[in-house]
């Protein structure tokens, strides 16, 4: 069994508790898991469009990701199936490590 040595940072449960989202710093990805019958199943690994995704927040149909080493917050659309879709904006934020709603 492979150990995750890449540095998982943030873990968030979607609004309806049907999806679980995870950021992994070393691989620069955001992962999406579906939750069915108390089990998680990986359904997507998406590029975070930056370097070192330290934190992220979910706000309805959007995901905002703080990429610490690339000094920006990148926003994405979430589709009805919980998947991370296109990037819609990015803002410069030096060494962003946490986001709050």
N, C-alpha and C. Protein backbone atom coordinates (compact mmCIF):
# COMPACT_ATOMS: atom_id res chain seq x y z
N UNK A 1 0.84 -1.18 0.00
CA UNK A 1 0.00 0.00 0.00
C UNK A 1 0.89 1.24 0.00
N UNK A 2 0.64 2.13 -0.95
CA UNK A 2 1.44 3.35 -1.07
C UNK A 2 1.08 4.35 0.01
N UNK A 3 2.10 4.92 0.64
CA UNK A 3 1.88 5.98 1.63
C UNK A 3 1.85 7.32 0.91
N UNK A 4 1.02 8.22 1.41
CA UNK A 4 0.98 9.56 0.83
C UNK A 4 2.07 10.39 1.49
N UNK A 5 3.15 10.56 0.78
CA UNK A 5 4.27 11.36 1.29
C UNK A 5 4.29 12.73 0.62
N UNK A 6 3.24 13.04 -0.08
CA UNK A 6 3.18 14.28 -0.85
C UNK A 6 2.58 15.45 -0.09
N UNK A 7 1.98 15.24 1.07
CA UNK A 7 1.51 16.35 1.88
C UNK A 7 0.08 16.79 1.67
N UNK A 8 -0.86 15.96 2.07
CA UNK A 8 -2.24 16.39 2.06
C UNK A 8 -2.38 17.60 2.97
N UNK A 9 -3.11 18.61 2.52
CA UNK A 9 -3.22 19.84 3.30
C UNK A 9 -4.63 20.03 3.85
N UNK A 10 -5.61 20.25 2.99
CA UNK A 10 -6.97 20.54 3.44
C UNK A 10 -7.92 19.43 3.02
N UNK A 11 -8.90 19.19 3.86
CA UNK A 11 -9.96 18.21 3.57
C UNK A 11 -11.28 18.90 3.88
N UNK A 12 -12.19 18.91 2.90
CA UNK A 12 -13.48 19.59 3.08
C UNK A 12 -14.61 18.69 2.57
N UNK A 13 -15.73 18.74 3.27
CA UNK A 13 -16.92 18.02 2.88
C UNK A 13 -17.84 19.00 2.14
N UNK A 14 -18.35 18.56 0.99
CA UNK A 14 -19.26 19.40 0.22
C UNK A 14 -20.56 19.67 0.96
N UNK A 15 -21.30 20.68 0.51
CA UNK A 15 -22.52 21.14 1.19
C UNK A 15 -23.52 20.04 1.49
N UNK A 16 -23.80 19.20 0.55
CA UNK A 16 -24.80 18.14 0.74
C UNK A 16 -24.17 16.84 1.24
N UNK A 17 -22.90 16.90 1.58
CA UNK A 17 -22.14 15.75 2.10
C UNK A 17 -22.13 14.56 1.14
N UNK A 18 -22.19 14.88 -0.17
CA UNK A 18 -22.10 13.83 -1.18
C UNK A 18 -20.69 13.72 -1.76
N UNK A 19 -19.86 14.76 -1.53
CA UNK A 19 -18.50 14.78 -2.07
C UNK A 19 -17.51 15.24 -1.01
N UNK A 20 -16.32 14.66 -1.07
CA UNK A 20 -15.22 15.03 -0.19
C UNK A 20 -14.10 15.56 -1.07
N UNK A 21 -13.51 16.69 -0.68
CA UNK A 21 -12.46 17.35 -1.46
C UNK A 21 -11.17 17.37 -0.64
N UNK A 22 -10.04 17.13 -1.33
CA UNK A 22 -8.74 17.06 -0.66
C UNK A 22 -7.70 17.77 -1.51
N UNK A 23 -6.85 18.58 -0.87
CA UNK A 23 -5.72 19.18 -1.59
C UNK A 23 -4.45 18.44 -1.22
N UNK A 24 -3.58 18.24 -2.22
CA UNK A 24 -2.30 17.56 -2.00
C UNK A 24 -1.19 18.46 -2.54
N UNK A 25 -0.38 18.96 -1.61
CA UNK A 25 0.64 19.97 -1.92
C UNK A 25 1.71 19.48 -2.88
N UNK A 26 2.36 18.37 -2.59
CA UNK A 26 3.48 17.90 -3.40
C UNK A 26 3.12 17.55 -4.83
N UNK A 27 1.88 17.14 -5.06
CA UNK A 27 1.44 16.78 -6.41
C UNK A 27 0.66 17.91 -7.09
N UNK A 28 0.38 18.99 -6.33
CA UNK A 28 -0.38 20.13 -6.87
C UNK A 28 -1.72 19.72 -7.47
N UNK A 29 -2.46 18.91 -6.68
CA UNK A 29 -3.76 18.46 -7.16
C UNK A 29 -4.85 18.70 -6.12
N UNK A 30 -6.07 18.75 -6.63
CA UNK A 30 -7.28 18.75 -5.83
C UNK A 30 -8.02 17.47 -6.20
N UNK A 31 -8.34 16.66 -5.21
CA UNK A 31 -9.02 15.39 -5.46
C UNK A 31 -10.46 15.47 -5.00
N UNK A 32 -11.33 14.77 -5.73
CA UNK A 32 -12.74 14.72 -5.40
C UNK A 32 -13.12 13.25 -5.21
N UNK A 33 -13.81 12.98 -4.10
CA UNK A 33 -14.31 11.64 -3.80
C UNK A 33 -15.82 11.71 -3.69
N UNK A 34 -16.51 10.74 -4.27
CA UNK A 34 -17.96 10.65 -4.04
C UNK A 34 -18.16 9.84 -2.77
N UNK A 35 -19.22 10.17 -2.06
CA UNK A 35 -19.55 9.44 -0.83
C UNK A 35 -20.88 8.74 -1.05
N UNK A 36 -20.83 7.41 -1.02
CA UNK A 36 -22.04 6.60 -1.21
C UNK A 36 -21.99 5.44 -0.25
N UNK A 37 -23.06 5.22 0.48
CA UNK A 37 -23.14 4.12 1.44
C UNK A 37 -21.96 4.12 2.41
N UNK A 38 -21.62 5.31 2.91
CA UNK A 38 -20.51 5.48 3.87
C UNK A 38 -19.16 5.05 3.33
N UNK A 39 -19.01 5.08 2.01
CA UNK A 39 -17.73 4.76 1.37
C UNK A 39 -17.32 5.89 0.44
N UNK A 40 -16.02 6.14 0.37
CA UNK A 40 -15.49 7.16 -0.54
C UNK A 40 -14.89 6.51 -1.76
N UNK A 41 -15.14 7.11 -2.91
CA UNK A 41 -14.58 6.61 -4.17
C UNK A 41 -14.00 7.80 -4.92
N UNK A 42 -12.72 7.69 -5.29
CA UNK A 42 -12.06 8.76 -6.04
C UNK A 42 -12.71 8.91 -7.40
N UNK A 43 -13.15 10.15 -7.72
CA UNK A 43 -13.76 10.39 -9.02
C UNK A 43 -12.99 11.41 -9.85
N UNK A 44 -12.05 12.15 -9.21
CA UNK A 44 -11.29 13.14 -9.98
C UNK A 44 -10.02 13.55 -9.25
N UNK A 45 -8.94 13.70 -10.00
CA UNK A 45 -7.74 14.41 -9.58
C UNK A 45 -7.58 15.56 -10.55
N UNK A 46 -7.69 16.79 -10.05
CA UNK A 46 -7.61 17.97 -10.91
C UNK A 46 -6.38 18.79 -10.56
N UNK A 47 -5.74 19.35 -11.57
CA UNK A 47 -4.62 20.25 -11.36
C UNK A 47 -5.12 21.49 -10.62
N UNK A 48 -4.35 21.97 -9.64
CA UNK A 48 -4.77 23.15 -8.86
C UNK A 48 -4.42 24.46 -9.55
N UNK A 49 -3.76 24.39 -10.70
CA UNK A 49 -3.37 25.55 -11.50
C UNK A 49 -2.44 26.49 -10.73
N UNK A 50 -1.60 25.89 -9.90
CA UNK A 50 -0.62 26.66 -9.13
C UNK A 50 0.36 25.71 -8.46
N UNK A 51 1.07 26.24 -7.47
CA UNK A 51 2.08 25.46 -6.76
C UNK A 51 1.81 25.47 -5.27
N UNK A 52 1.64 24.26 -4.71
CA UNK A 52 1.48 24.04 -3.27
C UNK A 52 0.09 24.49 -2.78
N UNK A 53 -0.98 23.73 -3.16
CA UNK A 53 -2.33 24.09 -2.73
C UNK A 53 -2.51 23.87 -1.23
N UNK A 54 -2.34 24.92 -0.47
CA UNK A 54 -2.31 24.82 0.99
C UNK A 54 -3.72 24.72 1.59
N UNK A 55 -4.65 25.49 1.07
CA UNK A 55 -6.02 25.49 1.60
C UNK A 55 -6.99 25.76 0.46
N UNK A 56 -8.26 25.44 0.69
CA UNK A 56 -9.30 25.78 -0.27
C UNK A 56 -10.62 25.89 0.48
N UNK A 57 -11.56 26.58 -0.12
CA UNK A 57 -12.91 26.66 0.43
C UNK A 57 -13.92 26.36 -0.67
N UNK A 58 -15.07 25.88 -0.25
CA UNK A 58 -16.18 25.59 -1.15
C UNK A 58 -17.27 26.61 -0.86
N UNK A 59 -17.83 27.17 -1.92
CA UNK A 59 -18.91 28.14 -1.78
C UNK A 59 -19.92 27.87 -2.88
N UNK A 60 -20.89 27.03 -2.58
CA UNK A 60 -21.91 26.69 -3.56
C UNK A 60 -21.33 25.99 -4.77
N UNK A 61 -21.37 26.66 -5.92
CA UNK A 61 -20.88 26.08 -7.17
C UNK A 61 -19.42 26.43 -7.45
N UNK A 62 -18.69 26.91 -6.44
CA UNK A 62 -17.32 27.36 -6.65
C UNK A 62 -16.35 26.76 -5.62
N UNK A 63 -15.11 26.59 -6.06
CA UNK A 63 -14.02 26.19 -5.19
C UNK A 63 -12.91 27.22 -5.36
N UNK A 64 -12.41 27.74 -4.24
CA UNK A 64 -11.33 28.73 -4.24
C UNK A 64 -10.12 28.08 -3.60
N UNK A 65 -9.00 28.03 -4.32
CA UNK A 65 -7.80 27.33 -3.87
C UNK A 65 -6.64 28.31 -3.65
N UNK A 66 -6.07 28.26 -2.45
CA UNK A 66 -4.90 29.09 -2.11
C UNK A 66 -3.63 28.31 -2.42
N UNK A 67 -2.93 28.73 -3.46
CA UNK A 67 -1.66 28.11 -3.87
C UNK A 67 -0.51 28.92 -3.29
N UNK A 68 0.07 28.40 -2.22
CA UNK A 68 1.04 29.15 -1.44
C UNK A 68 2.27 29.61 -2.22
N UNK A 69 2.95 28.67 -2.89
CA UNK A 69 4.23 29.01 -3.53
C UNK A 69 4.07 29.78 -4.84
N UNK A 70 2.91 29.71 -5.48
CA UNK A 70 2.68 30.52 -6.69
C UNK A 70 1.96 31.82 -6.35
N UNK A 71 1.71 32.04 -5.06
CA UNK A 71 1.21 33.33 -4.56
C UNK A 71 -0.10 33.78 -5.20
N UNK A 72 -1.08 32.86 -5.23
CA UNK A 72 -2.36 33.24 -5.81
C UNK A 72 -3.50 32.37 -5.29
N UNK A 73 -4.69 32.92 -5.40
CA UNK A 73 -5.91 32.17 -5.14
C UNK A 73 -6.59 31.97 -6.49
N UNK A 74 -6.87 30.71 -6.81
CA UNK A 74 -7.48 30.36 -8.09
C UNK A 74 -8.91 29.87 -7.82
N UNK A 75 -9.87 30.35 -8.61
CA UNK A 75 -11.26 29.92 -8.43
C UNK A 75 -11.69 29.04 -9.60
N UNK A 76 -12.49 28.03 -9.25
CA UNK A 76 -12.98 27.04 -10.20
C UNK A 76 -14.49 26.90 -10.07
N UNK A 77 -15.13 26.48 -11.15
CA UNK A 77 -16.54 26.13 -11.13
C UNK A 77 -16.65 24.66 -10.73
N UNK A 78 -17.65 24.33 -9.91
CA UNK A 78 -17.99 22.94 -9.60
C UNK A 78 -19.25 22.58 -10.37
N UNK A 79 -19.26 21.41 -10.99
CA UNK A 79 -20.47 21.03 -11.72
C UNK A 79 -21.44 20.29 -10.80
N UNK A 80 -22.60 19.92 -11.33
CA UNK A 80 -23.64 19.29 -10.53
C UNK A 80 -23.23 17.91 -10.00
N UNK A 81 -22.19 17.33 -10.57
CA UNK A 81 -21.68 16.03 -10.11
C UNK A 81 -20.50 16.18 -9.15
N UNK A 82 -20.26 17.40 -8.67
CA UNK A 82 -19.20 17.64 -7.71
C UNK A 82 -17.82 17.79 -8.31
N UNK A 83 -17.70 17.66 -9.63
CA UNK A 83 -16.39 17.73 -10.29
C UNK A 83 -15.90 19.16 -10.43
N UNK A 84 -14.58 19.31 -10.38
CA UNK A 84 -13.94 20.61 -10.56
C UNK A 84 -13.82 20.86 -12.06
N UNK A 85 -14.39 21.95 -12.51
CA UNK A 85 -14.37 22.28 -13.93
C UNK A 85 -13.39 23.42 -14.20
N UNK A 86 -13.73 24.31 -15.11
CA UNK A 86 -12.79 25.32 -15.59
C UNK A 86 -12.43 26.35 -14.52
N UNK A 87 -11.21 26.84 -14.67
CA UNK A 87 -10.76 27.97 -13.86
C UNK A 87 -11.51 29.21 -14.34
N UNK A 88 -11.98 30.02 -13.40
CA UNK A 88 -12.71 31.23 -13.81
C UNK A 88 -12.01 32.51 -13.41
N UNK A 89 -11.07 32.44 -12.45
CA UNK A 89 -10.38 33.66 -12.04
C UNK A 89 -9.17 33.28 -11.20
N UNK A 90 -8.25 34.23 -11.06
CA UNK A 90 -7.11 34.08 -10.15
C UNK A 90 -6.71 35.45 -9.66
N UNK A 91 -6.33 35.49 -8.40
CA UNK A 91 -5.92 36.74 -7.76
C UNK A 91 -4.59 36.53 -7.07
N UNK A 92 -3.74 37.51 -7.15
CA UNK A 92 -2.43 37.44 -6.49
C UNK A 92 -2.61 37.63 -4.97
N UNK A 93 -2.11 36.67 -4.21
CA UNK A 93 -2.15 36.72 -2.75
C UNK A 93 -0.85 36.11 -2.26
N UNK A 94 0.09 36.92 -1.80
CA UNK A 94 1.40 36.41 -1.38
C UNK A 94 1.30 35.37 -0.27
N UNK A 95 1.88 34.20 -0.53
CA UNK A 95 1.97 33.08 0.42
C UNK A 95 0.67 32.76 1.12
N UNK A 96 -0.41 32.66 0.36
CA UNK A 96 -1.72 32.32 0.95
C UNK A 96 -1.67 30.94 1.58
N UNK A 97 -2.06 30.86 2.85
CA UNK A 97 -2.04 29.58 3.56
C UNK A 97 -3.40 29.20 4.13
N UNK A 98 -4.35 30.13 4.19
CA UNK A 98 -5.67 29.83 4.71
C UNK A 98 -6.71 30.73 4.06
N UNK A 99 -7.92 30.18 3.90
CA UNK A 99 -9.04 30.93 3.35
C UNK A 99 -10.23 30.80 4.27
N UNK A 100 -11.00 31.87 4.40
CA UNK A 100 -12.21 31.87 5.21
C UNK A 100 -13.36 32.42 4.39
N UNK A 101 -14.55 31.93 4.66
CA UNK A 101 -15.75 32.46 4.01
C UNK A 101 -16.33 33.58 4.87
